[in-house]
Amino acid sequence: MTNSWLSKSRLYELSALFHFHTHIVLGVSDQSRLERKRNKHTHTHKQKIKNTRIYVVRSR
């Protein structure tokens, strides 16, 4: 029973993470459309996503 619960919770967590990640990506694309001239700004956003990915992998 514990095993099935663990896998269920993990699946839920993964789906939530995926949703969160897609949300971030959508926000960044929106932002870049608004501020296409600012290359620096978009670069920081990309860096943020990279850092988040690393953090997620480390926290697991």
C-alpha atoms as a PDB file:
ATOM      1  CA  MET A   1       0.000   0.000   0.000  1.00  0.00           C
ATOM      2  CA  THR A   2       2.804   2.421   0.879  1.00  0.00           C
ATOM      3  CA  ASN A   3       4.483   1.703  -2.455  1.00  0.00           C
ATOM      4  CA  SER A   4       1.409   2.529  -4.539  1.00  0.00           C
ATOM      5  CA  TRP A   5       0.819   5.718  -2.529  1.00  0.00           C
ATOM      6  CA  LEU A   6       4.416   6.814  -3.098  1.00  0.00           C
ATOM      7  CA  SER A   7       4.236   6.304  -6.858  1.00  0.00           C
ATOM      8  CA  LYS A   8       0.891   8.132  -6.952  1.00  0.00           C
ATOM      9  CA  SER A   9       2.259  11.115  -5.066  1.00  0.00           C
ATOM     10  CA  ARG A  10       5.353  11.161  -7.284  1.00  0.00           C
ATOM     11  CA  LEU A  11       3.228  11.075 -10.424  1.00  0.00           C
ATOM     12  CA  TYR A  12       1.169  13.981  -9.104  1.00  0.00           C
ATOM     13  CA  GLU A  13       4.325  15.903  -8.241  1.00  0.00           C
ATOM     14  CA  LEU A  14       5.790  15.304 -11.694  1.00  0.00           C
ATOM     15  CA  SER A  15       2.613  16.443 -13.439  1.00  0.00           C
ATOM     16  CA  ALA A  16       2.549  19.559 -11.248  1.00  0.00           C
ATOM     17  CA  LEU A  17       6.197  20.250 -12.056  1.00  0.00           C
ATOM     18  CA  PHE A  18       5.534  19.789 -15.762  1.00  0.00           C
ATOM     19  CA  HIS A  19       2.592  22.203 -15.605  1.00  0.00           C
ATOM     20  CA  PHE A  20       4.707  24.714 -13.688  1.00  0.00           C
ATOM     21  CA  HIS A  21       7.547  24.409 -16.210  1.00  0.00           C
ATOM     22  CA  THR A  22       5.269  24.900 -19.228  1.00  0.00           C
ATOM     23  CA  HIS A  23       3.762  27.901 -17.452  1.00  0.00           C
ATOM     24  CA  ILE A  24       7.233  29.409 -17.018  1.00  0.00           C
ATOM     25  CA  VAL A  25       8.100  28.777 -20.665  1.00  0.00           C
ATOM     26  CA  LEU A  26       4.857  30.385 -21.820  1.00  0.00           C
ATOM     27  CA  GLY A  27       5.498  33.390 -19.600  1.00  0.00           C
ATOM     28  CA  VAL A  28       9.021  33.758 -20.980  1.00  0.00           C
ATOM     29  CA  SER A  29       7.840  33.590 -24.599  1.00  0.00           C
ATOM     30  CA  ASP A  30       5.224  36.221 -23.746  1.00  0.00           C
ATOM     31  CA  GLN A  31       7.857  38.398 -22.117  1.00  0.00           C
ATOM     32  CA  SER A  32      10.286  38.041 -25.019  1.00  0.00           C
ATOM     33  CA  ARG A  33       7.529  39.081 -27.414  1.00  0.00           C
ATOM     34  CA  LEU A  34       6.950  42.196 -25.346  1.00  0.00           C
ATOM     35  CA  GLU A  35      10.634  42.997 -24.872  1.00  0.00           C
ATOM     36  CA  ARG A  36      12.343  41.612 -27.942  1.00  0.00           C
ATOM     37  CA  LYS A  37      14.823  44.488 -28.055  1.00  0.00           C
ATOM     38  CA  ARG A  38      16.179  43.681 -24.602  1.00  0.00           C
ATOM     39  CA  ASN A  39      18.422  40.677 -25.170  1.00  0.00           C
ATOM     40  CA  LYS A  40      19.817  40.910 -21.651  1.00  0.00           C
ATOM     41  CA  HIS A  41      16.393  40.519 -20.097  1.00  0.00           C
ATOM     42  CA  THR A  42      15.511  37.365 -22.026  1.00  0.00           C
ATOM     43  CA  HIS A  43      18.915  35.923 -21.217  1.00  0.00           C
ATOM     44  CA  THR A  44      18.287  36.311 -17.480  1.00  0.00           C
ATOM     45  CA  HIS A  45      14.941  34.564 -17.898  1.00  0.00           C
ATOM     46  CA  LYS A  46      16.574  31.643 -19.683  1.00  0.00           C
ATOM     47  CA  GLN A  47      19.150  31.458 -16.900  1.00  0.00           C
ATOM     48  CA  LYS A  48      16.351  31.358 -14.343  1.00  0.00           C
ATOM     49  CA  ILE A  49      14.768  28.381 -16.088  1.00  0.00           C
ATOM     50  CA  LYS A  50      18.124  26.599 -16.202  1.00  0.00           C
ATOM     51  CA  ASN A  51      18.643  27.188 -12.482  1.00  0.00           C
ATOM     52  CA  THR A  52      15.145  25.912 -11.712  1.00  0.00           C
ATOM     53  CA  ARG A  53      15.789  22.726 -13.669  1.00  0.00           C
ATOM     54  CA  ILE A  54      19.049  22.091 -11.802  1.00  0.00           C
ATOM     55  CA  TYR A  55      17.326  22.773  -8.473  1.00  0.00           C
ATOM     56  CA  VAL A  56      14.522  20.332  -9.288  1.00  0.00           C
ATOM     57  CA  VAL A  57      16.998  17.582 -10.162  1.00  0.00           C
ATOM     58  CA  ARG A  58      18.996  18.195  -6.986  1.00  0.00           C
ATOM     59  CA  SER A  59      15.970  18.262  -4.681  1.00  0.00           C
ATOM     60  CA  ARG A  60      14.830  14.803  -5.814  1.00  0.00           C
END
